[in-house]
C-alpha atoms as a PDB file:
ATOM      1  CA  UNK A   1       0.050  -0.065   0.106  1.00  0.00           C
ATOM      2  CA  UNK A   2       1.209   3.437  -0.989  1.00  0.00           C
ATOM      3  CA  UNK A   3       2.209   5.536   2.273  1.00  0.00           C
ATOM      4  CA  UNK A   4       0.290   8.825   2.060  1.00  0.00           C
ATOM      5  CA  UNK A   5       1.132  10.280   5.572  1.00  0.00           C
ATOM      6  CA  UNK A   6       3.031  13.151   4.197  1.00  0.00           C
ATOM      7  CA  UNK A   7       0.583  13.887   1.418  1.00  0.00           C
ATOM      8  CA  UNK A   8      -2.943  12.988   2.820  1.00  0.00           C
ATOM      9  CA  UNK A   9      -5.258  16.068   1.907  1.00  0.00           C
ATOM     10  CA  UNK A  10      -2.570  18.366   1.313  1.00  0.00           C
ATOM     11  CA  UNK A  11      -1.288  20.247  -1.731  1.00  0.00           C
ATOM     12  CA  UNK A  12      -5.036  20.082  -3.208  1.00  0.00           C
ATOM     13  CA  UNK A  13      -5.422  22.836  -5.767  1.00  0.00           C
ATOM     14  CA  UNK A  14      -7.191  25.832  -3.713  1.00  0.00           C
ATOM     15  CA  UNK A  15      -9.038  27.032  -6.625  1.00  0.00           C
ATOM     16  CA  UNK A  16     -10.573  23.618  -7.433  1.00  0.00           C
ATOM     17  CA  UNK A  17     -11.592  23.214  -3.806  1.00  0.00           C
ATOM     18  CA  UNK A  18     -13.272  26.717  -3.799  1.00  0.00           C
ATOM     19  CA  UNK A  19     -15.059  26.176  -7.115  1.00  0.00           C
ATOM     20  CA  UNK A  20     -16.507  22.875  -6.311  1.00  0.00           C
ATOM     21  CA  UNK A  21     -17.421  23.217  -2.664  1.00  0.00           C
ATOM     22  CA  UNK A  22     -14.518  20.929  -1.361  1.00  0.00           C
ATOM     23  CA  UNK A  23     -13.514  23.823   0.935  1.00  0.00           C
ATOM     24  CA  UNK A  24     -16.691  23.409   2.870  1.00  0.00           C
ATOM     25  CA  UNK A  25     -16.112  19.591   2.842  1.00  0.00           C
ATOM     26  CA  UNK A  26     -12.837  19.917   4.464  1.00  0.00           C
ATOM     27  CA  UNK A  27     -14.026  22.508   7.024  1.00  0.00           C
ATOM     28  CA  UNK A  28     -16.904  20.186   7.860  1.00  0.00           C
ATOM     29  CA  UNK A  29     -14.285  17.324   8.311  1.00  0.00           C
ATOM     30  CA  UNK A  30     -12.359  19.468  10.596  1.00  0.00           C
ATOM     31  CA  UNK A  31     -15.485  20.482  12.721  1.00  0.00           C
ATOM     32  CA  UNK A  32     -16.416  16.846  12.952  1.00  0.00           C
ATOM     33  CA  UNK A  33     -13.091  15.717  14.221  1.00  0.00           C
ATOM     34  CA  UNK A  34     -13.387  18.347  17.022  1.00  0.00           C
ATOM     35  CA  UNK A  35     -16.660  17.025  17.833  1.00  0.00           C
ATOM     36  CA  UNK A  36     -15.557  13.695  17.895  1.00  0.00           C
ATOM     37  CA  UNK A  37     -12.668  14.487  20.337  1.00  0.00           C
ATOM     38  CA  UNK A  38     -15.172  16.197  22.741  1.00  0.00           C
ATOM     39  CA  UNK A  39     -17.571  13.097  22.700  1.00  0.00           C
ATOM     40  CA  UNK A  40     -14.584  10.687  23.089  1.00  0.00           C
ATOM     41  CA  UNK A  41     -13.350  12.309  26.099  1.00  0.00           C
ATOM     42  CA  UNK A  42     -16.703  12.701  27.815  1.00  0.00           C
ATOM     43  CA  UNK A  43     -18.061   9.376  27.128  1.00  0.00           C
ATOM     44  CA  UNK A  44     -15.100   6.964  26.541  1.00  0.00           C
ATOM     45  CA  UNK A  45     -12.398   8.624  28.863  1.00  0.00           C
ATOM     46  CA  UNK A  46     -14.752  10.585  31.191  1.00  0.00           C
ATOM     47  CA  UNK A  47     -16.322  10.031  34.495  1.00  0.00           C
ATOM     48  CA  UNK A  48     -20.205   9.693  34.451  1.00  0.00           C
ATOM     49  CA  UNK A  49     -20.615  11.191  38.059  1.00  0.00           C
ATOM     50  CA  UNK A  50     -18.468  14.293  37.212  1.00  0.00           C
ATOM     51  CA  UNK A  51     -20.257  14.727  34.039  1.00  0.00           C
ATOM     52  CA  UNK A  52     -23.721  14.702  35.545  1.00  0.00           C
ATOM     53  CA  UNK A  53     -22.846  17.114  38.136  1.00  0.00           C
ATOM     54  CA  UNK A  54     -21.698  19.569  35.151  1.00  0.00           C
ATOM     55  CA  UNK A  55     -24.875  18.892  33.324  1.00  0.00           C
ATOM     56  CA  UNK A  56     -26.803  19.693  36.413  1.00  0.00           C
ATOM     57  CA  UNK A  57     -24.876  23.043  36.852  1.00  0.00           C
ATOM     58  CA  UNK A  58     -25.672  23.793  33.103  1.00  0.00           C
ATOM     59  CA  UNK A  59     -29.430  22.982  33.937  1.00  0.00           C
ATOM     60  CA  UNK A  60     -29.619  20.133  31.404  1.00  0.00           C
ATOM     61  CA  UNK A  61     -32.539  18.119  32.777  1.00  0.00           C
ATOM     62  CA  UNK A  62     -31.176  14.764  31.739  1.00  0.00           C
ATOM     63  CA  UNK A  63     -28.343  13.209  29.750  1.00  0.00           C
ATOM     64  CA  UNK A  64     -30.804  12.624  26.909  1.00  0.00           C
ATOM     65  CA  UNK A  65     -31.510  16.348  26.708  1.00  0.00           C
ATOM     66  CA  UNK A  66     -27.776  16.933  26.581  1.00  0.00           C
ATOM     67  CA  UNK A  67     -27.302  14.539  23.742  1.00  0.00           C
ATOM     68  CA  UNK A  68     -30.090  16.310  21.973  1.00  0.00           C
ATOM     69  CA  UNK A  69     -28.211  19.620  22.381  1.00  0.00           C
ATOM     70  CA  UNK A  70     -25.044  17.676  20.937  1.00  0.00           C
ATOM     71  CA  UNK A  71     -26.984  16.352  18.071  1.00  0.00           C
ATOM     72  CA  UNK A  72     -28.231  19.814  17.185  1.00  0.00           C
ATOM     73  CA  UNK A  73     -24.611  21.193  17.216  1.00  0.00           C
ATOM     74  CA  UNK A  74     -23.622  18.286  14.978  1.00  0.00           C
ATOM     75  CA  UNK A  75     -26.454  19.065  12.536  1.00  0.00           C
ATOM     76  CA  UNK A  76     -25.138  22.733  12.481  1.00  0.00           C
ATOM     77  CA  UNK A  77     -21.709  21.685  11.288  1.00  0.00           C
ATOM     78  CA  UNK A  78     -23.274  20.491   8.057  1.00  0.00           C
ATOM     79  CA  UNK A  79     -25.050  23.770   7.601  1.00  0.00           C
ATOM     80  CA  UNK A  80     -21.719  25.778   7.119  1.00  0.00           C
ATOM     81  CA  UNK A  81     -22.545  27.733   3.861  1.00  0.00           C
ATOM     82  CA  UNK A  82     -21.431  26.171   0.630  1.00  0.00           C
ATOM     83  CA  UNK A  83     -19.965  29.568  -0.374  1.00  0.00           C
ATOM     84  CA  UNK A  84     -17.225  29.279   2.254  1.00  0.00           C
ATOM     85  CA  UNK A  85     -13.743  29.495   0.732  1.00  0.00           C
ATOM     86  CA  UNK A  86     -10.187  30.101   2.042  1.00  0.00           C
ATOM     87  CA  UNK A  87      -7.104  31.170   0.365  1.00  0.00           C
ATOM     88  CA  UNK A  88      -5.095  28.157   1.480  1.00  0.00           C
ATOM     89  CA  UNK A  89      -6.557  24.793   1.818  1.00  0.00           C
ATOM     90  CA  UNK A  90      -3.657  23.157   3.492  1.00  0.00           C
ATOM     91  CA  UNK A  91      -4.456  25.230   6.507  1.00  0.00           C
ATOM     92  CA  UNK A  92      -8.022  23.925   6.896  1.00  0.00           C
ATOM     93  CA  UNK A  93      -6.492  20.465   7.323  1.00  0.00           C
ATOM     94  CA  UNK A  94      -3.327  21.423   9.380  1.00  0.00           C
ATOM     95  CA  UNK A  95      -4.100  24.431  11.520  1.00  0.00           C
ATOM     96  CA  UNK A  96      -3.674  23.617  14.943  1.00  0.00           C
ATOM     97  CA  UNK A  97      -5.993  25.028  17.687  1.00  0.00           C
ATOM     98  CA  UNK A  98      -2.925  26.344  19.737  1.00  0.00           C
ATOM     99  CA  UNK A  99      -2.978  29.611  17.552  1.00  0.00           C
ATOM    100  CA  UNK A 100      -5.920  31.779  18.625  1.00  0.00           C
ATOM    101  CA  UNK A 101      -5.242  34.429  15.890  1.00  0.00           C
ATOM    102  CA  UNK A 102      -4.708  32.030  13.156  1.00  0.00           C
ATOM    103  CA  UNK A 103      -7.963  30.154  14.204  1.00  0.00           C
ATOM    104  CA  UNK A 104      -9.781  33.315  13.964  1.00  0.00           C
ATOM    105  CA  UNK A 105      -8.490  33.950  10.347  1.00  0.00           C
ATOM    106  CA  UNK A 106      -9.647  30.414   9.435  1.00  0.00           C
ATOM    107  CA  UNK A 107     -13.093  31.223  10.548  1.00  0.00           C
ATOM    108  CA  UNK A 108     -13.429  34.955   9.881  1.00  0.00           C
ATOM    109  CA  UNK A 109     -15.802  34.496   6.976  1.00  0.00           C
ATOM    110  CA  UNK A 110     -18.269  32.659   9.050  1.00  0.00           C
ATOM    111  CA  UNK A 111     -18.668  35.510  11.473  1.00  0.00           C
ATOM    112  CA  UNK A 112     -17.810  33.641  14.582  1.00  0.00           C
ATOM    113  CA  UNK A 113     -18.798  34.902  18.049  1.00  0.00           C
ATOM    114  CA  UNK A 114     -16.126  35.603  20.516  1.00  0.00           C
ATOM    115  CA  UNK A 115     -17.029  35.518  24.344  1.00  0.00           C
ATOM    116  CA  UNK A 116     -14.645  37.287  26.949  1.00  0.00           C
ATOM    117  CA  UNK A 117     -14.597  36.930  30.729  1.00  0.00           C
ATOM    118  CA  UNK A 118     -14.507  40.424  32.424  1.00  0.00           C
ATOM    119  CA  UNK A 119     -12.656  40.014  35.806  1.00  0.00           C
ATOM    120  CA  UNK A 120      -9.030  39.224  35.432  1.00  0.00           C
ATOM    121  CA  UNK A 121      -9.476  38.898  31.580  1.00  0.00           C
ATOM    122  CA  UNK A 122     -10.664  42.207  30.107  1.00  0.00           C
ATOM    123  CA  UNK A 123      -9.524  43.999  33.471  1.00  0.00           C
ATOM    124  CA  UNK A 124      -5.926  42.649  32.688  1.00  0.00           C
ATOM    125  CA  UNK A 125      -4.579  45.491  30.592  1.00  0.00           C
ATOM    126  CA  UNK A 126      -2.490  43.226  28.591  1.00  0.00           C
ATOM    127  CA  UNK A 127      -5.566  41.950  27.021  1.00  0.00           C
ATOM    128  CA  UNK A 128      -6.516  45.464  25.747  1.00  0.00           C
ATOM    129  CA  UNK A 129      -4.536  45.170  22.462  1.00  0.00           C
ATOM    130  CA  UNK A 130      -6.455  41.999  21.781  1.00  0.00           C
ATOM    131  CA  UNK A 131      -9.762  43.444  22.612  1.00  0.00           C
ATOM    132  CA  UNK A 132      -9.173  46.322  20.224  1.00  0.00           C
ATOM    133  CA  UNK A 133      -7.966  44.057  17.443  1.00  0.00           C
ATOM    134  CA  UNK A 134     -11.291  41.770  17.627  1.00  0.00           C
ATOM    135  CA  UNK A 135     -13.928  44.327  18.498  1.00  0.00           C
ATOM    136  CA  UNK A 136     -14.526  45.968  15.211  1.00  0.00           C
ATOM    137  CA  UNK A 137     -14.294  42.795  12.975  1.00  0.00           C
ATOM    138  CA  UNK A 138     -16.058  40.226  15.142  1.00  0.00           C
ATOM    139  CA  UNK A 139     -19.278  39.580  17.139  1.00  0.00           C
ATOM    140  CA  UNK A 140     -17.799  40.134  20.753  1.00  0.00           C
ATOM    141  CA  UNK A 141     -19.846  39.212  23.886  1.00  0.00           C
ATOM    142  CA  UNK A 142     -18.628  39.938  27.533  1.00  0.00           C
ATOM    143  CA  UNK A 143     -19.985  37.226  29.935  1.00  0.00           C
ATOM    144  CA  UNK A 144     -19.254  37.675  33.607  1.00  0.00           C
ATOM    145  CA  UNK A 145     -20.149  36.449  36.846  1.00  0.00           C
ATOM    146  CA  UNK A 146     -19.893  40.256  38.019  1.00  0.00           C
ATOM    147  CA  UNK A 147     -23.472  41.175  38.690  1.00  0.00           C
ATOM    148  CA  UNK A 148     -23.112  44.916  37.992  1.00  0.00           C
ATOM    149  CA  UNK A 149     -23.385  45.756  34.140  1.00  0.00           C
ATOM    150  CA  UNK A 150     -22.474  49.383  34.823  1.00  0.00           C
ATOM    151  CA  UNK A 151     -19.248  48.628  36.327  1.00  0.00           C
ATOM    152  CA  UNK A 152     -18.247  46.788  33.044  1.00  0.00           C
ATOM    153  CA  UNK A 153     -19.476  49.624  31.051  1.00  0.00           C
ATOM    154  CA  UNK A 154     -17.510  52.154  33.132  1.00  0.00           C
ATOM    155  CA  UNK A 155     -14.512  50.132  32.918  1.00  0.00           C
ATOM    156  CA  UNK A 156     -14.659  49.912  28.996  1.00  0.00           C
ATOM    157  CA  UNK A 157     -15.210  53.723  28.899  1.00  0.00           C
ATOM    158  CA  UNK A 158     -12.482  54.403  31.207  1.00  0.00           C
ATOM    159  CA  UNK A 159      -9.908  52.811  28.980  1.00  0.00           C
ATOM    160  CA  UNK A 160     -11.662  53.803  25.707  1.00  0.00           C
ATOM    161  CA  UNK A 161     -12.690  50.272  24.741  1.00  0.00           C
ATOM    162  CA  UNK A 162     -15.460  50.077  22.330  1.00  0.00           C
ATOM    163  CA  UNK A 163     -18.513  48.327  23.938  1.00  0.00           C
ATOM    164  CA  UNK A 164     -19.281  44.873  22.709  1.00  0.00           C
ATOM    165  CA  UNK A 165     -22.255  43.337  20.782  1.00  0.00           C
ATOM    166  CA  UNK A 166     -23.680  42.363  24.147  1.00  0.00           C
ATOM    167  CA  UNK A 167     -22.587  42.551  28.023  1.00  0.00           C
ATOM    168  CA  UNK A 168     -23.974  39.817  30.320  1.00  0.00           C
ATOM    169  CA  UNK A 169     -23.615  40.717  33.841  1.00  0.00           C
ATOM    170  CA  UNK A 170     -24.731  37.413  35.726  1.00  0.00           C
ATOM    171  CA  UNK A 171     -25.388  37.306  39.543  1.00  0.00           C
ATOM    172  CA  UNK A 172     -22.859  34.410  40.350  1.00  0.00           C
ATOM    173  CA  UNK A 173     -21.178  31.431  38.870  1.00  0.00           C
ATOM    174  CA  UNK A 174     -23.905  29.227  37.904  1.00  0.00           C
ATOM    175  CA  UNK A 175     -26.006  32.039  36.051  1.00  0.00           C
ATOM    176  CA  UNK A 176     -22.529  32.735  34.133  1.00  0.00           C
ATOM    177  CA  UNK A 177     -22.382  29.150  33.219  1.00  0.00           C
ATOM    178  CA  UNK A 178     -26.039  28.881  32.118  1.00  0.00           C
ATOM    179  CA  UNK A 179     -25.572  32.035  30.124  1.00  0.00           C
ATOM    180  CA  UNK A 180     -22.896  30.443  28.224  1.00  0.00           C
ATOM    181  CA  UNK A 181     -25.235  27.583  27.275  1.00  0.00           C
ATOM    182  CA  UNK A 182     -27.864  30.286  26.257  1.00  0.00           C
ATOM    183  CA  UNK A 183     -25.499  31.910  23.935  1.00  0.00           C
ATOM    184  CA  UNK A 184     -24.601  28.695  22.173  1.00  0.00           C
ATOM    185  CA  UNK A 185     -28.408  27.436  22.094  1.00  0.00           C
ATOM    186  CA  UNK A 186     -29.344  30.849  20.557  1.00  0.00           C
ATOM    187  CA  UNK A 187     -26.514  30.522  17.931  1.00  0.00           C
ATOM    188  CA  UNK A 188     -26.516  26.933  16.961  1.00  0.00           C
ATOM    189  CA  UNK A 189     -25.056  27.586  13.615  1.00  0.00           C
ATOM    190  CA  UNK A 190     -22.156  29.723  14.553  1.00  0.00           C
ATOM    191  CA  UNK A 191     -18.466  29.027  15.593  1.00  0.00           C
ATOM    192  CA  UNK A 192     -17.882  30.291  19.133  1.00  0.00           C
ATOM    193  CA  UNK A 193     -14.527  31.202  20.700  1.00  0.00           C
ATOM    194  CA  UNK A 194     -14.355  31.507  24.593  1.00  0.00           C
ATOM    195  CA  UNK A 195     -11.596  33.192  26.397  1.00  0.00           C
ATOM    196  CA  UNK A 196     -11.424  33.058  30.384  1.00  0.00           C
ATOM    197  CA  UNK A 197      -8.812  32.878  32.915  1.00  0.00           C
ATOM    198  CA  UNK A 198     -10.667  30.338  35.023  1.00  0.00           C
ATOM    199  CA  UNK A 199     -10.350  26.636  33.823  1.00  0.00           C
ATOM    200  CA  UNK A 200     -13.591  25.742  35.570  1.00  0.00           C
ATOM    201  CA  UNK A 201     -15.560  27.925  33.250  1.00  0.00           C
ATOM    202  CA  UNK A 202     -13.622  26.812  30.209  1.00  0.00           C
ATOM    203  CA  UNK A 203     -14.662  23.234  31.194  1.00  0.00           C
ATOM    204  CA  UNK A 204     -18.244  24.140  30.517  1.00  0.00           C
ATOM    205  CA  UNK A 205     -17.126  25.996  27.272  1.00  0.00           C
ATOM    206  CA  UNK A 206     -15.756  22.659  25.857  1.00  0.00           C
ATOM    207  CA  UNK A 207     -18.855  20.693  26.963  1.00  0.00           C
ATOM    208  CA  UNK A 208     -20.766  23.244  24.922  1.00  0.00           C
ATOM    209  CA  UNK A 209     -18.560  22.599  21.938  1.00  0.00           C
ATOM    210  CA  UNK A 210     -16.869  25.976  22.111  1.00  0.00           C
ATOM    211  CA  UNK A 211     -13.110  26.683  21.038  1.00  0.00           C
ATOM    212  CA  UNK A 212     -11.745  27.583  24.566  1.00  0.00           C
ATOM    213  CA  UNK A 213      -8.527  29.632  25.415  1.00  0.00           C
ATOM    214  CA  UNK A 214      -7.202  30.286  28.868  1.00  0.00           C
ATOM    215  CA  UNK A 215      -5.968  33.725  29.444  1.00  0.00           C
ATOM    216  CA  UNK A 216      -2.883  33.731  31.709  1.00  0.00           C
ATOM    217  CA  UNK A 217      -1.819  36.719  34.029  1.00  0.00           C
ATOM    218  CA  UNK A 218       1.259  37.474  31.929  1.00  0.00           C
ATOM    219  CA  UNK A 219      -1.025  38.143  28.891  1.00  0.00           C
ATOM    220  CA  UNK A 220      -0.686  34.924  27.001  1.00  0.00           C
ATOM    221  CA  UNK A 221      -3.546  32.695  25.466  1.00  0.00           C
ATOM    222  CA  UNK A 222      -3.403  28.998  25.687  1.00  0.00           C
ATOM    223  CA  UNK A 223      -5.688  26.466  23.868  1.00  0.00           C
ATOM    224  CA  UNK A 224      -7.856  24.706  26.423  1.00  0.00           C
ATOM    225  CA  UNK A 225      -9.444  21.306  26.190  1.00  0.00           C
ATOM    226  CA  UNK A 226     -10.809  18.722  28.556  1.00  0.00           C
ATOM    227  CA  UNK A 227      -8.935  16.283  26.370  1.00  0.00           C
ATOM    228  CA  UNK A 228      -7.167  13.268  27.994  1.00  0.00           C
ATOM    229  CA  UNK A 229      -6.348  11.592  24.747  1.00  0.00           C
END
């Protein structure tokens, strides 16, 4: 058998893929693989008791209801517009999640949503250049456990940061988590990125099939998953 490890799905003519819809096919493949990894780590390598606790926090009434949520997300993958195209087909296959900025570029034409935490994320001044970079070109949502919306707005105004598409000031931890679920449920067909400094919230982001990134105190962004394998 011919060995194709070094050539598999690479060096395909970009113009051909864009013309005949193969670009969408490759992106659909990419999304399905990510979805498969989430399912594998939840249901093959995961802990049932721990998962049930998280589902209760998300206010899913049952595992059956959560599977229904995942089914709708899987269906949405195949609704990616046929008109989607990208200038470098190889990147659709090879681009790793580690680079937040390159991932954004990959999905830019699909109008992704970017969810940002507030305390210790936006309030870390090292994030301000990133905020200014994304605010004009992407749909940005602030989702915070801080219960006072005016505090968030005053902070943005103080540092001359443009206000996002939406600000959710939730009263406490669970309401912040349930809000994440609400955002995803109301945007089933959208790619969603989530940046937070706390891993606990990012765990829920992965359960909700978002692309999650941990923001560190030194201003770096790290790809975050629950994947064990």
